[in-house]
């Protein structure tokens, strides 16, 4: 089966995939999202939401400082 998508479309898809994988990696490694322990669904969902919110705040702070958004190491060094 041949791929009929254009090279531009493939480039857009690959860039989106790279960003998604980077964010998932950061949530897993830095924010330890895979080890969220809670006894009920309410606490579990809120702990996950807080970790995602913290990641989003770091991305916004990086953007405001003029750094690349997903380079969270620059926040610690600055």
PDB file of N, CA and C in Angstrom:
ATOM      1  N   UNK A   1       0.845  -1.175   0.000  1.00  0.00           N
ATOM      2  CA  UNK A   1       0.000   0.000   0.000  1.00  0.00           C
ATOM      3  C   UNK A   1       0.892   1.240   0.000  1.00  0.00           C
ATOM      4  N   UNK A   2       0.643   2.129  -0.899  1.00  0.00           N
ATOM      5  CA  UNK A   2       1.451   3.328  -1.016  1.00  0.00           C
ATOM      6  C   UNK A   2       0.892   4.460  -0.176  1.00  0.00           C
ATOM      7  N   UNK A   3       1.801   5.265   0.331  1.00  0.00           N
ATOM      8  CA  UNK A   3       1.427   6.435   1.119  1.00  0.00           C
ATOM      9  C   UNK A   3       1.194   7.603   0.165  1.00  0.00           C
ATOM     10  N   UNK A   4      -0.014   8.159   0.180  1.00  0.00           N
ATOM     11  CA  UNK A   4      -0.359   9.231  -0.750  1.00  0.00           C
ATOM     12  C   UNK A   4      -0.257  10.616  -0.121  1.00  0.00           C
ATOM     13  N   UNK A   5       0.215  10.680   1.107  1.00  0.00           N
ATOM     14  CA  UNK A   5       0.333  11.982   1.773  1.00  0.00           C
ATOM     15  C   UNK A   5       1.539  12.743   1.242  1.00  0.00           C
ATOM     16  N   UNK A   6       1.416  14.050   1.233  1.00  0.00           N
ATOM     17  CA  UNK A   6       2.511  14.881   0.733  1.00  0.00           C
ATOM     18  C   UNK A   6       3.636  14.954   1.768  1.00  0.00           C
ATOM     19  N   UNK A   7       4.798  15.395   1.319  1.00  0.00           N
ATOM     20  CA  UNK A   7       5.934  15.521   2.229  1.00  0.00           C
ATOM     21  C   UNK A   7       5.686  16.594   3.283  1.00  0.00           C
ATOM     22  N   UNK A   8       4.968  17.642   2.921  1.00  0.00           N
ATOM     23  CA  UNK A   8       4.649  18.691   3.887  1.00  0.00           C
ATOM     24  C   UNK A   8       3.753  18.163   4.998  1.00  0.00           C
ATOM     25  N   UNK A   9       2.763  17.353   4.612  1.00  0.00           N
ATOM     26  CA  UNK A   9       1.860  16.766   5.605  1.00  0.00           C
ATOM     27  C   UNK A   9       2.625  15.818   6.530  1.00  0.00           C
ATOM     28  N   UNK A  10       3.534  15.057   5.965  1.00  0.00           N
ATOM     29  CA  UNK A  10       4.329  14.136   6.777  1.00  0.00           C
ATOM     30  C   UNK A  10       5.246  14.904   7.732  1.00  0.00           C
ATOM     31  N   UNK A  11       5.789  16.023   7.278  1.00  0.00           N
ATOM     32  CA  UNK A  11       6.647  16.832   8.139  1.00  0.00           C
ATOM     33  C   UNK A  11       5.857  17.394   9.313  1.00  0.00           C
ATOM     34  N   UNK A  12       4.647  17.868   9.062  1.00  0.00           N
ATOM     35  CA  UNK A  12       3.783  18.387  10.124  1.00  0.00           C
ATOM     36  C   UNK A  12       3.448  17.284  11.124  1.00  0.00           C
ATOM     37  N   UNK A  13       3.112  16.106  10.617  1.00  0.00           N
ATOM     38  CA  UNK A  13       2.791  14.978  11.498  1.00  0.00           C
ATOM     39  C   UNK A  13       3.991  14.565  12.344  1.00  0.00           C
ATOM     40  N   UNK A  14       5.167  14.537  11.745  1.00  0.00           N
ATOM     41  CA  UNK A  14       6.360  14.133  12.485  1.00  0.00           C
ATOM     42  C   UNK A  14       6.728  15.158  13.557  1.00  0.00           C
ATOM     43  N   UNK A  15       6.569  16.450  13.247  1.00  0.00           N
ATOM     44  CA  UNK A  15       6.833  17.480  14.254  1.00  0.00           C
ATOM     45  C   UNK A  15       5.854  17.385  15.421  1.00  0.00           C
ATOM     46  N   UNK A  16       4.588  17.136  15.116  1.00  0.00           N
ATOM     47  CA  UNK A  16       3.586  16.983  16.176  1.00  0.00           C
ATOM     48  C   UNK A  16       3.895  15.751  17.021  1.00  0.00           C
ATOM     49  N   UNK A  17       4.269  14.665  16.369  1.00  0.00           N
ATOM     50  CA  UNK A  17       4.588  13.443  17.103  1.00  0.00           C
ATOM     51  C   UNK A  17       5.800  13.651  18.006  1.00  0.00           C
ATOM     52  N   UNK A  18       6.813  14.347  17.520  1.00  0.00           N
ATOM     53  CA  UNK A  18       8.010  14.610  18.314  1.00  0.00           C
ATOM     54  C   UNK A  18       7.659  15.428  19.554  1.00  0.00           C
ATOM     55  N   UNK A  19       6.803  16.436  19.406  1.00  0.00           N
ATOM     56  CA  UNK A  19       6.407  17.257  20.557  1.00  0.00           C
ATOM     57  C   UNK A  19       5.617  16.439  21.574  1.00  0.00           C
ATOM     58  N   UNK A  20       4.709  15.616  21.075  1.00  0.00           N
ATOM     59  CA  UNK A  20       3.900  14.787  21.970  1.00  0.00           C
ATOM     60  C   UNK A  20       4.776  13.813  22.739  1.00  0.00           C
ATOM     61  N   UNK A  21       5.717  13.169  22.057  1.00  0.00           N
ATOM     62  CA  UNK A  21       6.604  12.222  22.728  1.00  0.00           C
ATOM     63  C   UNK A  21       7.513  12.920  23.728  1.00  0.00           C
ATOM     64  N   UNK A  22       7.929  14.150  23.425  1.00  0.00           N
ATOM     65  CA  UNK A  22       8.755  14.909  24.357  1.00  0.00           C
ATOM     66  C   UNK A  22       7.979  15.234  25.627  1.00  0.00           C
ATOM     67  N   UNK A  23       6.743  15.682  25.472  1.00  0.00           N
ATOM     68  CA  UNK A  23       5.920  16.020  26.638  1.00  0.00           C
ATOM     69  C   UNK A  23       5.636  14.774  27.474  1.00  0.00           C
ATOM     70  N   UNK A  24       5.330  13.669  26.837  1.00  0.00           N
ATOM     71  CA  UNK A  24       5.081  12.427  27.580  1.00  0.00           C
ATOM     72  C   UNK A  24       6.340  12.003  28.326  1.00  0.00           C
ATOM     73  N   UNK A  25       7.490  12.129  27.680  1.00  0.00           N
ATOM     74  CA  UNK A  25       8.758  11.796  28.336  1.00  0.00           C
ATOM     75  C   UNK A  25       9.034  12.689  29.529  1.00  0.00           C
ATOM     76  N   UNK A  26       8.758  13.973  29.404  1.00  0.00           N
ATOM     77  CA  UNK A  26       8.970  14.893  30.516  1.00  0.00           C
ATOM     78  C   UNK A  26       8.023  14.602  31.670  1.00  0.00           C
ATOM     79  N   UNK A  27       6.772  14.311  31.353  1.00  0.00           N
ATOM     80  CA  UNK A  27       5.813  13.984  32.414  1.00  0.00           C
ATOM     81  C   UNK A  27       6.222  12.695  33.125  1.00  0.00           C
ATOM     82  N   UNK A  28       6.776  11.759  32.379  1.00  0.00           N
ATOM     83  CA  UNK A  28       7.182  10.489  32.961  1.00  0.00           C
ATOM     84  C   UNK A  28       8.443  10.643  33.798  1.00  0.00           C
ATOM     85  N   UNK A  29       9.453  11.311  33.265  1.00  0.00           N
ATOM     86  CA  UNK A  29      10.740  11.394  33.949  1.00  0.00           C
ATOM     87  C   UNK A  29      10.772  12.468  35.032  1.00  0.00           C
ATOM     88  N   UNK A  30      10.373  13.677  34.705  1.00  0.00           N
ATOM     89  CA  UNK A  30      10.508  14.791  35.640  1.00  0.00           C
ATOM     90  C   UNK A  30       9.383  14.844  36.665  1.00  0.00           C
ATOM     91  N   UNK A  31       8.175  14.587  36.206  1.00  0.00           N
ATOM     92  CA  UNK A  31       7.021  14.732  37.086  1.00  0.00           C
ATOM     93  C   UNK A  31       6.536  13.398  37.638  1.00  0.00           C
ATOM     94  N   UNK A  32       7.230  12.313  37.275  1.00  0.00           N
ATOM     95  CA  UNK A  32       6.970  10.977  37.829  1.00  0.00           C
ATOM     96  C   UNK A  32       5.487  10.605  37.752  1.00  0.00           C
ATOM     97  N   UNK A  33       4.892  10.853  36.600  1.00  0.00           N
ATOM     98  CA  UNK A  33       3.446  10.680  36.453  1.00  0.00           C
ATOM     99  C   UNK A  33       3.024   9.199  36.460  1.00  0.00           C
ATOM    100  N   UNK A  34       3.946   8.295  36.190  1.00  0.00           N
ATOM    101  CA  UNK A  34       3.565   6.888  36.156  1.00  0.00           C
ATOM    102  C   UNK A  34       3.382   6.307  37.557  1.00  0.00           C
ATOM    103  N   UNK A  35       3.837   7.016  38.582  1.00  0.00           N
ATOM    104  CA  UNK A  35       3.719   6.520  39.957  1.00  0.00           C
ATOM    105  C   UNK A  35       2.789   7.399  40.784  1.00  0.00           C
ATOM    106  N   UNK A  36       1.627   7.667  40.256  1.00  0.00           N
ATOM    107  CA  UNK A  36       0.640   8.440  40.995  1.00  0.00           C
ATOM    108  C   UNK A  36      -0.208   7.439  41.779  1.00  0.00           C
ATOM    109  N   UNK A  37      -0.086   7.490  43.095  1.00  0.00           N
ATOM    110  CA  UNK A  37      -0.815   6.531  43.929  1.00  0.00           C
ATOM    111  C   UNK A  37      -1.944   7.268  44.654  1.00  0.00           C
ATOM    112  N   UNK A  38      -3.107   6.717  44.537  1.00  0.00           N
ATOM    113  CA  UNK A  38      -4.268   7.282  45.215  1.00  0.00           C
ATOM    114  C   UNK A  38      -5.254   6.162  45.490  1.00  0.00           C
ATOM    115  N   UNK A  39      -6.070   6.372  46.492  1.00  0.00           N
ATOM    116  CA  UNK A  39      -7.026   5.332  46.876  1.00  0.00           C
ATOM    117  C   UNK A  39      -8.353   5.433  46.148  1.00  0.00           C
ATOM    118  N   UNK A  40      -8.624   6.590  45.557  1.00  0.00           N
ATOM    119  CA  UNK A  40      -9.880   6.721  44.819  1.00  0.00           C
ATOM    120  C   UNK A  40      -9.653   7.559  43.562  1.00  0.00           C
ATOM    121  N   UNK A  41     -10.633   7.542  42.699  1.00  0.00           N
ATOM    122  CA  UNK A  41     -10.527   8.193  41.402  1.00  0.00           C
ATOM    123  C   UNK A  41     -10.392   9.699  41.532  1.00  0.00           C
ATOM    124  N   UNK A  42     -11.055  10.299  42.494  1.00  0.00           N
ATOM    125  CA  UNK A  42     -11.000  11.747  42.660  1.00  0.00           C
ATOM    126  C   UNK A  42      -9.574  12.203  42.955  1.00  0.00           C
ATOM    127  N   UNK A  43      -8.905  11.562  43.902  1.00  0.00           N
ATOM    128  CA  UNK A  43      -7.540  11.937  44.241  1.00  0.00           C
ATOM    129  C   UNK A  43      -6.573  11.617  43.105  1.00  0.00           C
ATOM    130  N   UNK A  44      -6.784  10.510  42.433  1.00  0.00           N
ATOM    131  CA  UNK A  44      -5.927  10.148  41.297  1.00  0.00           C
ATOM    132  C   UNK A  44      -6.015  11.194  40.192  1.00  0.00           C
ATOM    133  N   UNK A  45      -7.226  11.556  39.826  1.00  0.00           N
ATOM    134  CA  UNK A  45      -7.391  12.523  38.740  1.00  0.00           C
ATOM    135  C   UNK A  45      -6.813  13.878  39.119  1.00  0.00           C
ATOM    136  N   UNK A  46      -6.975  14.304  40.351  1.00  0.00           N
ATOM    137  CA  UNK A  46      -6.460  15.609  40.751  1.00  0.00           C
ATOM    138  C   UNK A  46      -4.938  15.622  40.839  1.00  0.00           C
ATOM    139  N   UNK A  47      -4.342  14.534  41.225  1.00  0.00           N
ATOM    140  CA  UNK A  47      -2.876  14.474  41.245  1.00  0.00           C
ATOM    141  C   UNK A  47      -2.314  14.529  39.834  1.00  0.00           C
ATOM    142  N   UNK A  48      -2.947  13.837  38.904  1.00  0.00           N
ATOM    143  CA  UNK A  48      -2.506  13.874  37.508  1.00  0.00           C
ATOM    144  C   UNK A  48      -2.713  15.266  36.928  1.00  0.00           C
ATOM    145  N   UNK A  49      -3.842  15.870  37.217  1.00  0.00           N
ATOM    146  CA  UNK A  49      -4.125  17.219  36.717  1.00  0.00           C
ATOM    147  C   UNK A  49      -3.100  18.217  37.253  1.00  0.00           C
ATOM    148  N   UNK A  50      -2.715  18.096  38.526  1.00  0.00           N
ATOM    149  CA  UNK A  50      -1.717  19.011  39.096  1.00  0.00           C
ATOM    150  C   UNK A  50      -0.362  18.855  38.412  1.00  0.00           C
ATOM    151  N   UNK A  51       0.010  17.631  38.068  1.00  0.00           N
ATOM    152  CA  UNK A  51       1.285  17.417  37.392  1.00  0.00           C
ATOM    153  C   UNK A  51       1.264  18.001  35.984  1.00  0.00           C
ATOM    154  N   UNK A  52       0.160  17.834  35.289  1.00  0.00           N
ATOM    155  CA  UNK A  52       0.038  18.408  33.949  1.00  0.00           C
ATOM    156  C   UNK A  52       0.009  19.932  34.026  1.00  0.00           C
ATOM    157  N   UNK A  53      -0.660  20.478  35.024  1.00  0.00           N
ATOM    158  CA  UNK A  53      -0.687  21.931  35.221  1.00  0.00           C
ATOM    159  C   UNK A  53       0.706  22.468  35.526  1.00  0.00           C
ATOM    160  N   UNK A  54       1.482  21.756  36.329  1.00  0.00           N
ATOM    161  CA  UNK A  54       2.849  22.184  36.636  1.00  0.00           C
ATOM    162  C   UNK A  54       3.701  22.183  35.370  1.00  0.00           C
ATOM    163  N   UNK A  55       3.538  21.172  34.536  1.00  0.00           N
ATOM    164  CA  UNK A  55       4.276  21.121  33.272  1.00  0.00           C
ATOM    165  C   UNK A  55       3.880  22.290  32.384  1.00  0.00           C
ATOM    166  N   UNK A  56       2.591  22.576  32.301  1.00  0.00           N
ATOM    167  CA  UNK A  56       2.113  23.689  31.486  1.00  0.00           C
ATOM    168  C   UNK A  56       2.655  25.019  32.005  1.00  0.00           C
ATOM    169  N   UNK A  57       2.704  25.181  33.319  1.00  0.00           N
ATOM    170  CA  UNK A  57       3.252  26.410  33.895  1.00  0.00           C
ATOM    171  C   UNK A  57       4.730  26.555  33.552  1.00  0.00           C
ATOM    172  N   UNK A  58       5.469  25.463  33.567  1.00  0.00           N
ATOM    173  CA  UNK A  58       6.886  25.515  33.196  1.00  0.00           C
ATOM    174  C   UNK A  58       7.054  25.902  31.728  1.00  0.00           C
ATOM    175  N   UNK A  59       6.209  25.377  30.861  1.00  0.00           N
ATOM    176  CA  UNK A  59       6.279  25.717  29.441  1.00  0.00           C
ATOM    177  C   UNK A  59       5.974  27.205  29.251  1.00  0.00           C
ATOM    178  N   UNK A  60       4.959  27.714  29.920  1.00  0.00           N
ATOM    179  CA  UNK A  60       4.619  29.140  29.810  1.00  0.00           C
ATOM    180  C   UNK A  60       5.722  30.025  30.365  1.00  0.00           C
ATOM    181  N   UNK A  61       6.310  29.640  31.472  1.00  0.00           N
ATOM    182  CA  UNK A  61       7.400  30.407  32.054  1.00  0.00           C
ATOM    183  C   UNK A  61       8.602  30.431  31.113  1.00  0.00           C
ATOM    184  N   UNK A  62       8.906  29.288  30.519  1.00  0.00           N
ATOM    185  CA  UNK A  62       9.996  29.221  29.548  1.00  0.00           C
ATOM    186  C   UNK A  62       9.723  30.128  28.359  1.00  0.00           C
ATOM    187  N   UNK A  63       8.500  30.131  27.879  1.00  0.00           N
ATOM    188  CA  UNK A  63       8.133  30.977  26.747  1.00  0.00           C
ATOM    189  C   UNK A  63       8.282  32.451  27.104  1.00  0.00           C
ATOM    190  N   UNK A  64       7.855  32.835  28.298  1.00  0.00           N
ATOM    191  CA  UNK A  64       7.972  34.225  28.739  1.00  0.00           C
ATOM    192  C   UNK A  64       9.419  34.659  28.908  1.00  0.00           C
ATOM    193  N   UNK A  65      10.305  33.713  29.257  1.00  0.00           N
ATOM    194  CA  UNK A  65      11.713  34.032  29.408  1.00  0.00           C
ATOM    195  C   UNK A  65      12.455  34.041  28.077  1.00  0.00           C
ATOM    196  N   UNK A  66      11.785  33.658  27.001  1.00  0.00           N
ATOM    197  CA  UNK A  66      12.411  33.637  25.688  1.00  0.00           C
ATOM    198  C   UNK A  66      13.152  32.354  25.390  1.00  0.00           C
ATOM    199  N   UNK A  67      12.952  31.338  26.201  1.00  0.00           N
ATOM    200  CA  UNK A  67      13.587  30.035  25.986  1.00  0.00           C
ATOM    201  C   UNK A  67      12.691  29.155  25.127  1.00  0.00           C
ATOM    202  N   UNK A  68      13.248  28.100  24.524  1.00  0.00           N
ATOM    203  CA  UNK A  68      12.388  27.131  23.837  1.00  0.00           C
ATOM    204  C   UNK A  68      11.411  26.515  24.847  1.00  0.00           C
ATOM    205  N   UNK A  69      10.146  26.375  24.491  1.00  0.00           N
ATOM    206  CA  UNK A  69       9.120  25.974  25.465  1.00  0.00           C
ATOM    207  C   UNK A  69       9.366  24.648  26.179  1.00  0.00           C
ATOM    208  N   UNK A  70       9.893  23.654  25.496  1.00  0.00           N
ATOM    209  CA  UNK A  70      10.020  22.333  26.106  1.00  0.00           C
ATOM    210  C   UNK A  70      11.396  22.070  26.712  1.00  0.00           C
ATOM    211  N   UNK A  71      12.247  23.066  26.769  1.00  0.00           N
ATOM    212  CA  UNK A  71      13.575  22.917  27.370  1.00  0.00           C
ATOM    213  C   UNK A  71      13.494  23.278  28.849  1.00  0.00           C
ATOM    214  N   UNK A  72      12.958  22.368  29.643  1.00  0.00           N
ATOM    215  CA  UNK A  72      12.711  22.656  31.045  1.00  0.00           C
ATOM    216  C   UNK A  72      14.001  22.766  31.858  1.00  0.00           C
ATOM    217  N   UNK A  73      15.103  22.228  31.372  1.00  0.00           N
ATOM    218  CA  UNK A  73      16.382  22.350  32.065  1.00  0.00           C
ATOM    219  C   UNK A  73      16.816  23.802  32.195  1.00  0.00           C
ATOM    220  N   UNK A  74      16.419  24.631  31.239  1.00  0.00           N
ATOM    221  CA  UNK A  74      16.829  26.033  31.271  1.00  0.00           C
ATOM    222  C   UNK A  74      16.209  26.783  32.441  1.00  0.00           C
ATOM    223  N   UNK A  75      15.097  26.305  32.963  1.00  0.00           N
ATOM    224  CA  UNK A  75      14.478  26.964  34.120  1.00  0.00           C
ATOM    225  C   UNK A  75      15.312  26.765  35.381  1.00  0.00           C
ATOM    226  N   UNK A  76      15.949  25.631  35.492  1.00  0.00           N
ATOM    227  CA  UNK A  76      16.754  25.336  36.667  1.00  0.00           C
ATOM    228  C   UNK A  76      18.067  26.095  36.600  1.00  0.00           C
ATOM    229  N   UNK A  77      18.634  26.213  35.417  1.00  0.00           N
ATOM    230  CA  UNK A  77      19.927  26.872  35.246  1.00  0.00           C
ATOM    231  C   UNK A  77      19.828  28.383  35.286  1.00  0.00           C
ATOM    232  N   UNK A  78      18.648  28.937  34.984  1.00  0.00           N
ATOM    233  CA  UNK A  78      18.503  30.397  34.930  1.00  0.00           C
ATOM    234  C   UNK A  78      18.458  31.034  36.278  1.00  0.00           C
TER     235      UNK A  78
END
